[in-house]
């Protein structure tokens, strides 16, 4: 990943067995080993990806990236 490019959020199937069959939105954050979970329990991957591109999703991504830069 280029340090000049904004990390891209992605949808993945939940690893939590309590929510089997649902999807969550993850964001790779520089300086973290595991991606940050932004939202979870979407019924389908398409719903999760739609959330990523929504205004709410873009705001959440920007806020999470800004918070991670402030912790350095």
N, C-alpha and C. Protein backbone atom coordinates (compact mmCIF):
# COMPACT_ATOMS: atom_id res chain seq x y z
N UNK A 1 0.85 -1.18 0.00
CA UNK A 1 0.00 0.00 0.00
C UNK A 1 0.89 1.24 0.00
N UNK A 2 0.65 2.15 -0.90
CA UNK A 2 1.40 3.39 -0.98
C UNK A 2 1.06 4.30 0.19
N UNK A 3 2.06 4.96 0.74
CA UNK A 3 1.79 5.84 1.87
C UNK A 3 1.07 7.11 1.45
N UNK A 4 0.96 7.36 0.15
CA UNK A 4 0.28 8.54 -0.34
C UNK A 4 -1.16 8.26 -0.75
N UNK A 5 -1.54 7.01 -0.75
CA UNK A 5 -2.88 6.63 -1.16
C UNK A 5 -3.74 6.34 0.07
N UNK A 6 -4.97 6.80 0.04
CA UNK A 6 -5.91 6.58 1.14
C UNK A 6 -6.27 5.10 1.22
N UNK A 7 -6.18 4.47 2.41
CA UNK A 7 -6.56 3.06 2.54
C UNK A 7 -8.03 2.86 2.16
N UNK A 8 -8.31 1.75 1.53
CA UNK A 8 -9.67 1.46 1.07
C UNK A 8 -10.37 0.49 2.01
N UNK A 9 -11.57 0.85 2.42
CA UNK A 9 -12.39 -0.03 3.24
C UNK A 9 -12.90 -1.18 2.37
N UNK A 10 -13.17 -2.32 3.01
CA UNK A 10 -13.69 -3.46 2.27
C UNK A 10 -14.69 -4.23 3.12
N UNK A 11 -15.54 -4.98 2.45
CA UNK A 11 -16.53 -5.81 3.13
C UNK A 11 -16.02 -7.23 3.21
N UNK A 12 -16.20 -7.86 4.38
CA UNK A 12 -15.76 -9.24 4.58
C UNK A 12 -16.78 -9.96 5.44
N UNK A 13 -16.85 -11.26 5.26
CA UNK A 13 -17.76 -12.05 6.07
C UNK A 13 -17.29 -12.01 7.52
N UNK A 14 -18.23 -11.89 8.43
CA UNK A 14 -17.90 -11.81 9.85
C UNK A 14 -17.25 -13.10 10.33
N UNK A 15 -16.19 -12.95 11.12
CA UNK A 15 -15.52 -14.12 11.69
C UNK A 15 -16.14 -14.52 13.03
N UNK A 16 -16.99 -13.68 13.57
CA UNK A 16 -17.66 -13.96 14.84
C UNK A 16 -18.77 -14.98 14.59
N UNK A 17 -18.66 -16.14 15.21
CA UNK A 17 -19.64 -17.21 14.96
C UNK A 17 -21.05 -16.83 15.40
N UNK A 18 -21.19 -15.87 16.30
CA UNK A 18 -22.52 -15.43 16.73
C UNK A 18 -23.26 -14.72 15.60
N UNK A 19 -22.50 -14.16 14.67
CA UNK A 19 -23.09 -13.42 13.56
C UNK A 19 -22.78 -14.10 12.23
N UNK A 20 -22.76 -15.40 12.23
CA UNK A 20 -22.44 -16.18 11.02
C UNK A 20 -23.38 -15.78 9.88
N UNK A 21 -22.79 -15.62 8.71
CA UNK A 21 -23.57 -15.27 7.53
C UNK A 21 -23.77 -13.78 7.33
N UNK A 22 -23.21 -12.97 8.22
CA UNK A 22 -23.32 -11.52 8.05
C UNK A 22 -21.98 -10.96 7.59
N UNK A 23 -22.01 -9.72 7.18
CA UNK A 23 -20.80 -9.06 6.68
C UNK A 23 -20.50 -7.83 7.50
N UNK A 24 -19.21 -7.47 7.54
CA UNK A 24 -18.78 -6.28 8.25
C UNK A 24 -17.85 -5.47 7.37
N UNK A 25 -17.70 -4.20 7.70
CA UNK A 25 -16.83 -3.31 6.94
C UNK A 25 -15.55 -3.12 7.74
N UNK A 26 -14.41 -3.40 7.08
CA UNK A 26 -13.10 -3.28 7.71
C UNK A 26 -12.27 -2.24 6.99
N UNK A 27 -11.40 -1.57 7.74
CA UNK A 27 -10.55 -0.53 7.18
C UNK A 27 -9.11 -0.77 7.62
N UNK A 28 -8.21 -1.03 6.67
CA UNK A 28 -6.80 -1.16 7.04
C UNK A 28 -6.26 0.21 7.46
N UNK A 29 -5.71 0.28 8.66
CA UNK A 29 -5.20 1.55 9.19
C UNK A 29 -3.69 1.43 9.34
N UNK A 30 -2.95 2.40 8.82
CA UNK A 30 -1.50 2.37 8.96
C UNK A 30 -1.11 2.32 10.45
N UNK A 31 -0.18 1.45 10.77
CA UNK A 31 0.28 1.32 12.15
C UNK A 31 -0.46 0.27 12.96
N UNK A 32 -1.51 -0.30 12.41
CA UNK A 32 -2.26 -1.36 13.09
C UNK A 32 -2.04 -2.68 12.37
N UNK A 33 -1.97 -3.75 13.13
CA UNK A 33 -1.81 -5.07 12.53
C UNK A 33 -3.14 -5.55 11.95
N UNK A 34 -4.20 -5.42 12.73
CA UNK A 34 -5.53 -5.85 12.29
C UNK A 34 -6.30 -4.66 11.74
N UNK A 35 -7.13 -4.88 10.73
CA UNK A 35 -7.95 -3.77 10.24
C UNK A 35 -8.99 -3.35 11.27
N UNK A 36 -9.38 -2.11 11.22
CA UNK A 36 -10.36 -1.54 12.13
C UNK A 36 -11.76 -1.89 11.65
N UNK A 37 -12.62 -2.38 12.54
CA UNK A 37 -13.99 -2.70 12.18
C UNK A 37 -14.83 -1.42 12.28
N UNK A 38 -15.42 -1.00 11.17
CA UNK A 38 -16.22 0.22 11.14
C UNK A 38 -17.70 -0.05 11.35
N UNK A 39 -18.20 -1.07 10.71
CA UNK A 39 -19.63 -1.39 10.82
C UNK A 39 -19.79 -2.90 10.65
N UNK A 40 -20.83 -3.45 11.24
CA UNK A 40 -21.01 -4.90 11.14
C UNK A 40 -22.48 -5.27 11.02
N UNK A 41 -22.68 -6.55 10.79
CA UNK A 41 -23.99 -7.18 10.71
C UNK A 41 -24.84 -6.72 9.53
N UNK A 42 -24.22 -6.66 8.37
CA UNK A 42 -24.97 -6.43 7.14
C UNK A 42 -25.41 -7.79 6.62
N UNK A 43 -26.59 -7.86 6.08
CA UNK A 43 -27.14 -9.14 5.61
C UNK A 43 -26.41 -9.68 4.38
N UNK A 44 -25.83 -8.78 3.57
CA UNK A 44 -25.14 -9.23 2.37
C UNK A 44 -23.91 -8.35 2.12
N UNK A 45 -23.03 -8.87 1.29
CA UNK A 45 -21.83 -8.12 0.95
C UNK A 45 -22.21 -6.86 0.18
N UNK A 46 -23.22 -6.96 -0.64
CA UNK A 46 -23.67 -5.79 -1.42
C UNK A 46 -24.14 -4.66 -0.50
N UNK A 47 -24.87 -4.99 0.58
CA UNK A 47 -25.32 -3.97 1.52
C UNK A 47 -24.13 -3.30 2.20
N UNK A 48 -23.13 -4.10 2.57
CA UNK A 48 -21.95 -3.55 3.23
C UNK A 48 -21.19 -2.63 2.28
N UNK A 49 -21.05 -3.04 1.03
CA UNK A 49 -20.35 -2.20 0.05
C UNK A 49 -21.13 -0.93 -0.26
N UNK A 50 -22.45 -1.02 -0.26
CA UNK A 50 -23.28 0.17 -0.45
C UNK A 50 -23.06 1.15 0.69
N UNK A 51 -22.95 0.63 1.92
CA UNK A 51 -22.71 1.49 3.08
C UNK A 51 -21.35 2.19 2.96
N UNK A 52 -20.35 1.47 2.47
CA UNK A 52 -19.01 2.06 2.30
C UNK A 52 -19.09 3.30 1.42
N UNK A 53 -19.87 3.24 0.36
CA UNK A 53 -19.94 4.34 -0.60
C UNK A 53 -20.99 5.40 -0.24
N UNK A 54 -21.73 5.18 0.84
CA UNK A 54 -22.73 6.16 1.26
C UNK A 54 -22.04 7.32 1.97
N UNK A 55 -22.78 8.40 2.18
CA UNK A 55 -22.24 9.55 2.91
C UNK A 55 -21.84 9.15 4.33
N UNK A 56 -22.67 8.35 4.98
CA UNK A 56 -22.38 7.89 6.34
C UNK A 56 -21.09 7.08 6.38
N UNK A 57 -20.93 6.19 5.43
CA UNK A 57 -19.73 5.35 5.37
C UNK A 57 -18.48 6.16 5.10
N UNK A 58 -18.55 7.10 4.16
CA UNK A 58 -17.39 7.93 3.85
C UNK A 58 -16.99 8.80 5.04
N UNK A 59 -17.98 9.29 5.78
CA UNK A 59 -17.69 10.07 6.98
C UNK A 59 -17.01 9.21 8.03
N UNK A 60 -17.50 7.99 8.23
CA UNK A 60 -16.91 7.08 9.21
C UNK A 60 -15.47 6.73 8.84
N UNK A 61 -15.21 6.51 7.56
CA UNK A 61 -13.86 6.19 7.09
C UNK A 61 -12.93 7.38 7.33
N UNK A 62 -13.37 8.57 6.96
CA UNK A 62 -12.55 9.77 7.15
C UNK A 62 -12.27 10.02 8.63
N UNK A 63 -13.29 9.83 9.47
CA UNK A 63 -13.10 10.04 10.92
C UNK A 63 -12.12 9.03 11.51
N UNK A 64 -12.21 7.76 11.07
CA UNK A 64 -11.32 6.73 11.59
C UNK A 64 -9.87 7.00 11.16
N UNK A 65 -9.67 7.44 9.92
CA UNK A 65 -8.32 7.74 9.45
C UNK A 65 -7.75 8.96 10.17
N UNK A 66 -8.59 9.97 10.40
CA UNK A 66 -8.13 11.17 11.12
C UNK A 66 -7.76 10.81 12.55
N UNK A 67 -8.54 9.95 13.19
CA UNK A 67 -8.25 9.55 14.57
C UNK A 67 -6.95 8.75 14.63
N UNK A 68 -6.70 7.92 13.63
CA UNK A 68 -5.47 7.11 13.65
C UNK A 68 -4.24 7.99 13.43
N UNK A 69 -4.36 9.05 12.66
CA UNK A 69 -3.23 9.96 12.46
C UNK A 69 -2.94 10.76 13.73
N UNK A 70 -3.97 11.04 14.50
CA UNK A 70 -3.80 11.81 15.74
C UNK A 70 -3.14 11.01 16.85
N UNK A 71 -3.15 9.69 16.76
CA UNK A 71 -2.57 8.83 17.81
C UNK A 71 -1.08 8.60 17.64
N UNK A 72 -0.50 9.03 16.53
CA UNK A 72 0.93 8.81 16.29
C UNK A 72 1.78 9.70 17.14
